[in-house]
Amino acid sequence: MSIVDQLKLYIPKLLTQKRIVILFFALVLLFCIFFVVVYRPIGLLQPQGILSSLDYRLYSIILVLLGLVVFSVSRRSLYLVQRHVKMSLGAYFIWIGCEFLVLMVLLTVAAWYLNENPNVSWLELAGRVIIDIVALLTMPYIVTVLVFLLQQKRLEIATLTDQLQESKAVGSSDSRDEVIQFYDKGDKLVFVTKRSNVLYIEAADNYTIIHYLSGDKEDTLILHNSLKNIAETFSSQGMVRCHRGFLVNLENVKYLRKEKDGLVLEIASCERLIPVSKTYAEDVVKQFAK
């Protein structure tokens, strides 16, 4: 999958989970204290002006509180946005970049005001602040990402275990609720769910993106397997190829209608319209009419 395709993927909800955010704040605060004690306050130059009358601790507290306010407002806003709108990975990185930019500008202004050193340019002071911020945030980000990946892996294992148990329990139940299993190219079991949960499957180079229902919302999973292999595997289970890049679950198709660019499929619980190419149009219409 190309970098552009990866940036278009939705970020997992775990990434904005309160526990992850609180952990990040705690680590940032801890490293701020360590950084100031071992190294120096952010953007600190030779004491003079206002800074000469301030204790180093007070100076540090002002800048640390300013940074924490920026983070708290940004992450709270991100949490609220993520609850109502699914954010792509690219949009998430842009958000983090803007957060860093705002933090850098505010801390540079604060350091400039407190230092009052006319011999130092804004550019030099901004460079000092950027280096200090990167030094402060590198380790908290690394630890937070590792914890996030660990939680996500545990969740995937738990989900897969539940789905396997559900698969055994379903057994010979009605075919509409049959459980289907997705394997990667190495025949490793990756994902199990009821067929009715699958909305559509999208091709992405040598990978596929499974769009499925998680509760009442759409979620995605990346599978290292080709769409051609998956189409051949599930051709008898209601999965129909409608385009060289899409495979749909007819059970969840609400409408088949003609647009100016051709036929499209409207999928339940999905805002995206799936195109139908001329190559597959006749077969899709026949299957949908059954």
Protein backbone atom coordinates (compact mmCIF):
# COMPACT_ATOMS: atom_id res chain seq x y z
CA MET A 1 0.00 0.00 0.00
CA SER A 2 1.36 3.41 -0.97
CA ILE A 3 2.01 6.15 1.59
CA VAL A 4 -0.87 8.19 0.15
CA ASP A 5 -3.28 5.27 0.60
CA GLN A 6 -2.09 4.75 4.18
CA LEU A 7 -2.66 8.43 5.02
CA LYS A 8 -6.25 8.09 3.81
CA LEU A 9 -7.00 5.34 6.34
CA TYR A 10 -9.03 6.23 9.42
CA ILE A 11 -7.18 6.46 12.73
CA PRO A 12 -8.15 3.91 15.40
CA LYS A 13 -10.33 5.21 18.22
CA LEU A 14 -7.72 3.99 20.71
CA LEU A 15 -5.43 6.78 19.51
CA THR A 16 -7.69 9.42 21.09
CA GLN A 17 -8.73 7.32 24.07
CA LYS A 18 -8.72 9.18 27.40
CA ARG A 19 -6.25 6.72 28.90
CA ILE A 20 -3.74 7.34 26.10
CA VAL A 21 -4.16 11.12 26.37
CA ILE A 22 -3.72 11.09 30.17
CA LEU A 23 -0.61 8.92 29.84
CA PHE A 24 0.84 11.38 27.33
CA PHE A 25 0.16 14.35 29.64
CA ALA A 26 1.75 12.56 32.59
CA LEU A 27 4.87 11.71 30.58
CA VAL A 28 5.18 15.25 29.24
CA LEU A 29 4.92 16.69 32.76
CA LEU A 30 7.46 14.20 34.09
CA PHE A 31 9.95 14.96 31.33
CA CYS A 32 9.41 18.70 31.76
CA ILE A 33 10.47 18.42 35.38
CA PHE A 34 13.43 16.20 34.50
CA PHE A 35 14.44 18.45 31.59
CA VAL A 36 14.41 21.63 33.68
CA VAL A 37 16.32 20.10 36.59
CA VAL A 38 18.99 18.33 34.51
CA TYR A 39 19.28 20.74 31.57
CA ARG A 40 17.72 24.22 31.60
CA PRO A 41 14.33 25.90 31.22
CA ILE A 42 12.90 26.07 27.70
CA GLY A 43 14.40 28.87 25.61
CA LEU A 44 16.48 30.18 28.52
CA LEU A 45 19.22 32.71 27.67
CA GLN A 46 21.38 34.83 29.95
CA PRO A 47 19.21 36.16 32.82
CA GLN A 48 18.37 39.82 32.43
CA GLY A 49 15.35 42.14 32.34
CA ILE A 50 12.20 40.52 33.68
CA LEU A 51 13.94 37.16 33.88
CA SER A 52 16.57 38.51 36.28
CA SER A 53 13.85 39.17 38.85
CA LEU A 54 12.17 35.80 38.37
CA ASP A 55 13.23 32.57 39.92
CA TYR A 56 14.14 29.85 37.41
CA ARG A 57 11.39 27.69 38.85
CA LEU A 58 8.75 30.34 38.26
CA TYR A 59 10.00 30.85 34.71
CA SER A 60 9.80 27.10 34.10
CA ILE A 61 6.33 26.82 35.63
CA ILE A 62 5.03 29.58 33.34
CA LEU A 63 6.28 27.90 30.17
CA VAL A 64 5.29 24.38 31.25
CA LEU A 65 1.75 25.51 32.14
CA LEU A 66 1.49 27.33 28.83
CA GLY A 67 2.50 24.17 26.98
CA LEU A 68 0.08 21.99 28.96
CA VAL A 69 -2.78 24.40 28.22
CA VAL A 70 -2.04 24.12 24.49
CA PHE A 71 -1.95 20.32 24.70
CA SER A 72 -5.10 20.07 26.81
CA VAL A 73 -7.12 22.31 24.46
CA SER A 74 -5.79 20.53 21.38
CA ARG A 75 -6.32 16.96 22.63
CA ARG A 76 -9.76 17.76 24.08
CA SER A 77 -10.79 19.23 20.73
CA LEU A 78 -9.35 16.22 18.92
CA TYR A 79 -11.30 13.87 21.19
CA LEU A 80 -14.56 15.72 20.51
CA VAL A 81 -13.94 15.84 16.76
CA GLN A 82 -13.10 12.13 16.64
CA ARG A 83 -16.39 11.30 18.38
CA HIS A 84 -18.42 12.86 15.55
CA VAL A 85 -16.16 12.67 12.48
CA LYS A 86 -13.85 9.84 11.43
CA MET A 87 -10.39 11.35 10.96
CA SER A 88 -7.85 10.05 8.47
CA LEU A 89 -4.25 9.37 9.41
CA GLY A 90 -3.12 12.27 7.22
CA ALA A 91 -5.52 14.68 8.93
CA TYR A 92 -4.28 13.43 12.32
CA PHE A 93 -0.65 14.18 11.42
CA ILE A 94 -1.67 17.64 10.19
CA TRP A 95 -3.45 18.23 13.52
CA ILE A 96 -0.34 17.20 15.49
CA GLY A 97 1.80 19.44 13.25
CA CYS A 98 -0.46 22.44 13.88
CA GLU A 99 -0.37 21.64 17.60
CA PHE A 100 3.45 21.71 17.50
CA LEU A 101 3.46 24.95 15.51
CA VAL A 102 1.11 26.73 17.95
CA LEU A 103 3.16 25.45 20.90
CA MET A 104 6.40 26.66 19.30
CA VAL A 105 5.03 30.14 18.54
CA LEU A 106 3.54 30.65 22.01
CA LEU A 107 6.64 29.43 23.86
CA THR A 108 8.88 31.57 21.63
CA VAL A 109 6.79 34.66 22.38
CA ALA A 110 6.81 33.88 26.09
CA ALA A 111 10.57 33.23 26.13
CA TRP A 112 11.20 36.44 24.16
CA TYR A 113 9.13 38.49 26.58
CA LEU A 114 10.72 36.98 29.68
CA ASN A 115 14.30 37.08 28.38
CA GLU A 116 14.17 40.63 26.98
CA ASN A 117 17.50 40.14 25.22
CA PRO A 118 17.82 42.53 22.24
CA ASN A 119 20.92 40.75 20.99
CA VAL A 120 19.04 37.56 20.20
CA SER A 121 16.92 37.29 17.06
CA TRP A 122 13.47 35.75 16.90
CA LEU A 123 14.84 33.08 14.58
CA GLU A 124 17.59 32.06 16.99
CA LEU A 125 15.20 31.95 19.93
CA ALA A 126 12.64 29.96 17.91
CA GLY A 127 15.40 27.49 17.01
CA ARG A 128 16.26 27.04 20.68
CA VAL A 129 12.60 26.52 21.56
CA ILE A 130 12.09 23.96 18.76
CA ILE A 131 15.12 21.95 19.88
CA ASP A 132 13.89 22.02 23.49
CA ILE A 133 10.33 20.99 22.54
CA VAL A 134 11.59 18.08 20.40
CA ALA A 135 13.87 16.96 23.25
CA LEU A 136 10.95 17.13 25.67
CA LEU A 137 8.32 15.37 23.53
CA THR A 138 10.34 12.65 21.80
CA MET A 139 10.30 10.17 24.66
CA PRO A 140 6.65 10.78 25.72
CA TYR A 141 5.56 10.23 22.10
CA ILE A 142 7.63 7.04 21.79
CA VAL A 143 6.29 5.59 25.05
CA THR A 144 2.71 6.59 24.20
CA VAL A 145 2.90 5.00 20.75
CA LEU A 146 4.32 1.77 22.21
CA VAL A 147 1.54 1.61 24.81
CA PHE A 148 -1.03 2.31 22.09
CA LEU A 149 0.34 -0.47 19.87
CA LEU A 150 0.33 -2.87 22.82
CA GLN A 151 -3.30 -2.04 23.66
CA GLN A 152 -4.32 -2.36 20.01
CA LYS A 153 -2.63 -5.74 19.72
CA ARG A 154 -4.34 -6.96 22.90
CA LEU A 155 -7.67 -5.73 21.57
CA GLU A 156 -7.12 -7.51 18.26
CA ILE A 157 -6.26 -10.75 20.06
CA ALA A 158 -9.31 -10.47 22.32
CA THR A 159 -11.56 -9.65 19.36
CA LEU A 160 -10.18 -12.52 17.32
CA THR A 161 -10.67 -14.91 20.24
CA ASP A 162 -14.28 -13.80 20.70
CA GLN A 163 -14.93 -14.12 16.99
CA LEU A 164 -13.48 -17.63 16.88
CA GLN A 165 -15.69 -18.64 19.78
CA GLU A 166 -18.63 -17.06 18.01
CA SER A 167 -17.71 -18.99 14.89
CA LYS A 168 -17.88 -22.27 16.80
CA ALA A 169 -21.17 -21.27 18.42
CA VAL A 170 -22.79 -20.33 15.15
CA GLY A 171 -21.97 -23.68 13.60
CA SER A 172 -24.86 -24.67 11.41
CA SER A 173 -26.93 -21.49 11.88
CA ASP A 174 -28.70 -19.73 9.01
CA SER A 175 -26.35 -18.78 6.15
CA ARG A 176 -27.28 -15.12 6.46
CA ASP A 177 -25.45 -15.02 9.77
CA GLU A 178 -22.60 -17.32 8.81
CA VAL A 179 -19.15 -16.42 10.04
CA ILE A 180 -16.43 -15.81 7.47
CA GLN A 181 -12.71 -15.90 8.05
CA PHE A 182 -10.11 -13.70 6.38
CA TYR A 183 -6.58 -14.98 5.83
CA ASP A 184 -3.46 -13.18 4.63
CA LYS A 185 -1.19 -14.43 1.84
CA GLY A 186 0.62 -16.70 4.30
CA ASP A 187 -2.66 -18.42 5.19
CA LYS A 188 -2.56 -16.81 8.62
CA LEU A 189 -5.97 -16.16 10.16
CA VAL A 190 -6.29 -12.39 10.63
CA PHE A 191 -9.97 -11.52 10.99
CA VAL A 192 -13.24 -13.30 11.70
CA THR A 193 -16.69 -11.76 11.61
CA LYS A 194 -20.27 -12.44 10.60
CA ARG A 195 -20.82 -12.04 6.88
CA SER A 196 -23.60 -9.56 7.56
CA ASN A 197 -21.04 -7.22 9.19
CA VAL A 198 -18.97 -6.89 6.02
CA LEU A 199 -19.92 -3.80 3.99
CA TYR A 200 -17.42 -3.86 1.15
CA ILE A 201 -13.79 -4.67 0.46
CA GLU A 202 -11.44 -2.27 -1.30
CA ALA A 203 -8.25 -3.01 -3.22
CA ALA A 204 -5.02 -1.19 -2.27
CA ASP A 205 -2.10 -2.50 -4.33
CA ASN A 206 -1.14 -5.86 -2.78
CA TYR A 207 -3.39 -5.22 0.20
CA THR A 208 -7.12 -4.98 0.73
CA ILE A 209 -9.11 -2.83 3.12
CA ILE A 210 -12.07 -4.55 4.73
CA HIS A 211 -14.86 -2.11 5.59
CA TYR A 212 -17.10 -3.67 8.22
CA LEU A 213 -19.58 -2.80 10.95
CA SER A 214 -18.25 -2.52 14.48
CA GLY A 215 -21.35 -2.00 16.57
CA ASP A 216 -23.31 0.52 14.54
CA LYS A 217 -20.33 2.33 12.98
CA GLU A 218 -18.08 1.56 10.04
CA ASP A 219 -14.54 0.42 10.79
CA THR A 220 -11.64 -0.79 8.65
CA LEU A 221 -8.99 -3.49 8.71
CA ILE A 222 -5.99 -3.84 6.38
CA LEU A 223 -5.38 -7.36 5.04
CA HIS A 224 -2.24 -8.49 3.23
CA ASN A 225 -4.05 -10.30 0.44
CA SER A 226 -5.24 -9.41 -3.04
CA LEU A 227 -8.84 -8.56 -3.88
CA LYS A 228 -8.77 -11.24 -6.57
CA ASN A 229 -8.01 -13.98 -4.02
CA ILE A 230 -10.70 -12.75 -1.65
CA ALA A 231 -13.27 -12.53 -4.47
CA GLU A 232 -12.54 -16.12 -5.47
CA THR A 233 -12.77 -17.32 -1.87
CA PHE A 234 -16.11 -15.67 -1.08
CA SER A 235 -17.80 -15.76 -4.49
CA SER A 236 -20.41 -18.21 -3.17
CA GLN A 237 -21.10 -16.23 0.01
CA GLY A 238 -22.78 -13.15 -1.40
CA MET A 239 -19.58 -11.20 -2.05
CA VAL A 240 -19.80 -9.77 -5.57
CA ARG A 241 -17.10 -8.09 -7.62
CA CYS A 242 -18.50 -4.81 -8.94
CA HIS A 243 -15.28 -3.07 -9.94
CA ARG A 244 -11.60 -3.90 -10.32
CA GLY A 245 -11.08 -2.13 -7.01
CA PHE A 246 -14.19 -3.16 -5.05
CA LEU A 247 -15.99 -6.22 -3.75
CA VAL A 248 -19.38 -5.68 -2.08
CA ASN A 249 -21.58 -7.69 0.24
CA LEU A 250 -24.94 -7.72 -1.56
CA GLU A 251 -26.72 -8.25 1.76
CA ASN A 252 -25.83 -4.71 2.73
CA VAL A 253 -26.52 -3.04 -0.62
CA LYS A 254 -29.49 -0.68 -0.26
CA TYR A 255 -29.76 0.74 -3.76
CA LEU A 256 -28.40 0.26 -7.24
CA ARG A 257 -28.82 3.40 -9.28
CA LYS A 258 -27.51 5.08 -12.37
CA GLU A 259 -25.43 8.26 -12.11
CA LYS A 260 -23.95 10.35 -14.89
CA ASP A 261 -20.70 8.37 -14.62
CA GLY A 262 -22.45 4.98 -14.52
CA LEU A 263 -23.99 2.64 -11.97
CA VAL A 264 -23.26 3.04 -8.28
CA LEU A 265 -24.14 1.04 -5.18
CA GLU A 266 -25.31 2.58 -1.92
CA ILE A 267 -24.21 0.53 1.06
CA ALA A 268 -26.03 0.43 4.41
CA SER A 269 -24.29 2.37 7.21
CA CYS A 270 -21.83 3.79 4.68
CA GLU A 271 -21.70 7.28 3.18
CA ARG A 272 -19.51 6.23 0.27
CA LEU A 273 -21.03 5.28 -3.10
CA ILE A 274 -19.35 2.23 -4.67
CA PRO A 275 -18.88 2.40 -8.45
CA VAL A 276 -19.94 -0.43 -10.76
CA SER A 277 -17.79 -0.82 -13.87
CA LYS A 278 -19.23 -1.95 -17.21
CA THR A 279 -17.32 -5.23 -16.97
CA TYR A 280 -19.22 -6.32 -13.88
CA ALA A 281 -22.49 -4.39 -14.34
CA GLU A 282 -24.54 -7.23 -15.85
CA ASP A 283 -23.51 -9.74 -13.17
CA VAL A 284 -24.14 -7.23 -10.36
CA VAL A 285 -27.64 -6.46 -11.64
CA LYS A 286 -28.47 -10.18 -11.90
CA GLN A 287 -27.17 -10.90 -8.43
CA PHE A 288 -28.91 -7.90 -6.92
CA ALA A 289 -32.23 -8.87 -8.55
CA LYS A 290 -32.26 -12.32 -6.98
